[in-house]
């Protein structure tokens, strides 16, 4: 089953893709050429170039952040309480339909 992921950029353009369970939001985005998700460190939680803002209706369904992720996120210009690194979110069937907003500074 492909999991539906909705990436929305700062202008409101939506990019709906199908992703496989077990991959990350970052790899799904880069594999589908979603603009604004670079993943410069290859998904190693070391750079912050996969910063996303999870729609508030979905944040409670995600695993908690680790200290490395929090440290990197606090250095991003668009950081807020719903900020996450896409490399740290593993796609599961429970995330089917998730809405992921892309920060303006990464576009």
C-alpha atoms as a PDB file:
ATOM      1  CA  UNK A   1       0.000   0.000   0.000  1.00  0.00           C
ATOM      2  CA  UNK A   2       1.317   3.434  -0.895  1.00  0.00           C
ATOM      3  CA  UNK A   3       0.986   6.011   1.874  1.00  0.00           C
ATOM      4  CA  UNK A   4      -0.316   9.399   0.710  1.00  0.00           C
ATOM      5  CA  UNK A   5       1.852  12.356   1.757  1.00  0.00           C
ATOM      6  CA  UNK A   6       0.833  15.983   1.103  1.00  0.00           C
ATOM      7  CA  UNK A   7       3.696  18.481   0.988  1.00  0.00           C
ATOM      8  CA  UNK A   8       2.559  22.120   0.858  1.00  0.00           C
ATOM      9  CA  UNK A   9       5.009  24.918   0.042  1.00  0.00           C
ATOM     10  CA  UNK A  10       4.810  28.462   1.428  1.00  0.00           C
ATOM     11  CA  UNK A  11       2.778  29.639  -1.584  1.00  0.00           C
ATOM     12  CA  UNK A  12       0.090  26.999  -0.998  1.00  0.00           C
ATOM     13  CA  UNK A  13       1.122  24.694  -3.854  1.00  0.00           C
ATOM     14  CA  UNK A  14       0.473  21.077  -2.901  1.00  0.00           C
ATOM     15  CA  UNK A  15       2.594  18.113  -3.946  1.00  0.00           C
ATOM     16  CA  UNK A  16       0.781  14.838  -3.292  1.00  0.00           C
ATOM     17  CA  UNK A  17       2.918  11.722  -3.533  1.00  0.00           C
ATOM     18  CA  UNK A  18       2.727   8.057  -2.682  1.00  0.00           C
ATOM     19  CA  UNK A  19       5.417   6.744  -0.338  1.00  0.00           C
ATOM     20  CA  UNK A  20       6.391   3.341   0.979  1.00  0.00           C
ATOM     21  CA  UNK A  21       5.997   2.367   4.602  1.00  0.00           C
ATOM     22  CA  UNK A  22       9.389   2.412   6.332  1.00  0.00           C
ATOM     23  CA  UNK A  23      10.980   5.229   4.333  1.00  0.00           C
ATOM     24  CA  UNK A  24      11.330   8.698   5.828  1.00  0.00           C
ATOM     25  CA  UNK A  25       9.488  11.870   4.890  1.00  0.00           C
ATOM     26  CA  UNK A  26      12.847  13.188   3.663  1.00  0.00           C
ATOM     27  CA  UNK A  27      13.618  10.259   1.365  1.00  0.00           C
ATOM     28  CA  UNK A  28      10.060  10.280   0.010  1.00  0.00           C
ATOM     29  CA  UNK A  29      10.435  13.997  -0.768  1.00  0.00           C
ATOM     30  CA  UNK A  30      13.860  13.744  -2.388  1.00  0.00           C
ATOM     31  CA  UNK A  31      12.876  10.643  -4.388  1.00  0.00           C
ATOM     32  CA  UNK A  32       9.920  12.626  -5.752  1.00  0.00           C
ATOM     33  CA  UNK A  33      11.833  15.884  -6.328  1.00  0.00           C
ATOM     34  CA  UNK A  34       9.771  17.874  -3.826  1.00  0.00           C
ATOM     35  CA  UNK A  35      11.268  21.402  -3.805  1.00  0.00           C
ATOM     36  CA  UNK A  36      12.625  22.669  -0.497  1.00  0.00           C
ATOM     37  CA  UNK A  37      13.753  19.335   0.931  1.00  0.00           C
ATOM     38  CA  UNK A  38      17.459  18.955   0.241  1.00  0.00           C
ATOM     39  CA  UNK A  39      18.609  16.404   2.799  1.00  0.00           C
ATOM     40  CA  UNK A  40      22.244  17.463   2.416  1.00  0.00           C
ATOM     41  CA  UNK A  41      23.457  15.086   5.159  1.00  0.00           C
ATOM     42  CA  UNK A  42      21.694  12.101   3.632  1.00  0.00           C
ATOM     43  CA  UNK A  43      19.218  11.729   6.459  1.00  0.00           C
ATOM     44  CA  UNK A  44      21.707  11.553   9.323  1.00  0.00           C
ATOM     45  CA  UNK A  45      20.141  14.305  11.480  1.00  0.00           C
ATOM     46  CA  UNK A  46      23.171  16.510  10.969  1.00  0.00           C
ATOM     47  CA  UNK A  47      22.204  19.513   8.835  1.00  0.00           C
ATOM     48  CA  UNK A  48      18.594  20.717   9.115  1.00  0.00           C
ATOM     49  CA  UNK A  49      18.003  20.979   5.336  1.00  0.00           C
ATOM     50  CA  UNK A  50      14.932  18.776   5.610  1.00  0.00           C
ATOM     51  CA  UNK A  51      13.114  21.034   8.085  1.00  0.00           C
ATOM     52  CA  UNK A  52       9.345  20.691   7.750  1.00  0.00           C
ATOM     53  CA  UNK A  53       6.392  21.965   9.722  1.00  0.00           C
ATOM     54  CA  UNK A  54       3.901  19.222  10.442  1.00  0.00           C
ATOM     55  CA  UNK A  55       0.241  20.187  10.309  1.00  0.00           C
ATOM     56  CA  UNK A  56      -0.977  20.476  13.905  1.00  0.00           C
ATOM     57  CA  UNK A  57      -3.595  17.754  13.312  1.00  0.00           C
ATOM     58  CA  UNK A  58      -0.762  15.266  12.742  1.00  0.00           C
ATOM     59  CA  UNK A  59       1.893  16.175  15.325  1.00  0.00           C
ATOM     60  CA  UNK A  60       0.421  13.955  18.029  1.00  0.00           C
ATOM     61  CA  UNK A  61       0.788  10.886  15.808  1.00  0.00           C
ATOM     62  CA  UNK A  62       4.577  11.201  15.541  1.00  0.00           C
ATOM     63  CA  UNK A  63       7.335   9.843  17.746  1.00  0.00           C
ATOM     64  CA  UNK A  64       9.028  12.367  20.002  1.00  0.00           C
ATOM     65  CA  UNK A  65      12.072  14.332  18.882  1.00  0.00           C
ATOM     66  CA  UNK A  66      15.529  13.429  20.134  1.00  0.00           C
ATOM     67  CA  UNK A  67      17.940  16.046  21.486  1.00  0.00           C
ATOM     68  CA  UNK A  68      19.963  16.224  18.229  1.00  0.00           C
ATOM     69  CA  UNK A  69      16.846  16.987  16.211  1.00  0.00           C
ATOM     70  CA  UNK A  70      15.720  19.673  18.638  1.00  0.00           C
ATOM     71  CA  UNK A  71      19.171  21.337  18.566  1.00  0.00           C
ATOM     72  CA  UNK A  72      19.228  21.480  14.765  1.00  0.00           C
ATOM     73  CA  UNK A  73      15.662  22.729  14.523  1.00  0.00           C
ATOM     74  CA  UNK A  74      16.301  25.589  16.934  1.00  0.00           C
ATOM     75  CA  UNK A  75      18.846  26.971  14.446  1.00  0.00           C
ATOM     76  CA  UNK A  76      16.345  27.159  11.559  1.00  0.00           C
ATOM     77  CA  UNK A  77      14.704  30.509  10.748  1.00  0.00           C
ATOM     78  CA  UNK A  78      11.129  29.186  10.568  1.00  0.00           C
ATOM     79  CA  UNK A  79      11.300  27.034  13.732  1.00  0.00           C
ATOM     80  CA  UNK A  80       8.047  26.608  15.619  1.00  0.00           C
ATOM     81  CA  UNK A  81       6.376  24.073  17.909  1.00  0.00           C
ATOM     82  CA  UNK A  82       5.393  21.874  14.934  1.00  0.00           C
ATOM     83  CA  UNK A  83       8.862  21.848  13.342  1.00  0.00           C
ATOM     84  CA  UNK A  84      10.495  18.517  12.604  1.00  0.00           C
ATOM     85  CA  UNK A  85      13.326  17.133  10.519  1.00  0.00           C
ATOM     86  CA  UNK A  86      11.813  15.013   7.765  1.00  0.00           C
ATOM     87  CA  UNK A  87      14.715  12.558   8.024  1.00  0.00           C
ATOM     88  CA  UNK A  88      13.560  11.651  11.533  1.00  0.00           C
ATOM     89  CA  UNK A  89       9.977  10.739  10.630  1.00  0.00           C
ATOM     90  CA  UNK A  90       9.488   7.181   9.429  1.00  0.00           C
ATOM     91  CA  UNK A  91       6.392   6.715   7.297  1.00  0.00           C
ATOM     92  CA  UNK A  92       3.814   4.293   8.635  1.00  0.00           C
ATOM     93  CA  UNK A  93       0.315   3.440   7.450  1.00  0.00           C
ATOM     94  CA  UNK A  94      -0.999   5.591  10.326  1.00  0.00           C
ATOM     95  CA  UNK A  95       0.448   8.635   8.544  1.00  0.00           C
ATOM     96  CA  UNK A  96      -1.631   8.086   5.379  1.00  0.00           C
ATOM     97  CA  UNK A  97      -2.757  11.574   4.312  1.00  0.00           C
ATOM     98  CA  UNK A  98      -0.292  13.521   6.504  1.00  0.00           C
ATOM     99  CA  UNK A  99       0.106  17.211   5.706  1.00  0.00           C
ATOM    100  CA  UNK A 100       3.691  18.489   5.708  1.00  0.00           C
ATOM    101  CA  UNK A 101       4.359  22.218   5.257  1.00  0.00           C
ATOM    102  CA  UNK A 102       7.608  23.402   3.690  1.00  0.00           C
ATOM    103  CA  UNK A 103       9.262  26.464   5.281  1.00  0.00           C
ATOM    104  CA  UNK A 104       9.759  29.503   3.077  1.00  0.00           C
ATOM    105  CA  UNK A 105      13.482  29.834   3.872  1.00  0.00           C
ATOM    106  CA  UNK A 106      14.215  26.477   2.185  1.00  0.00           C
ATOM    107  CA  UNK A 107      12.614  27.336  -1.137  1.00  0.00           C
END
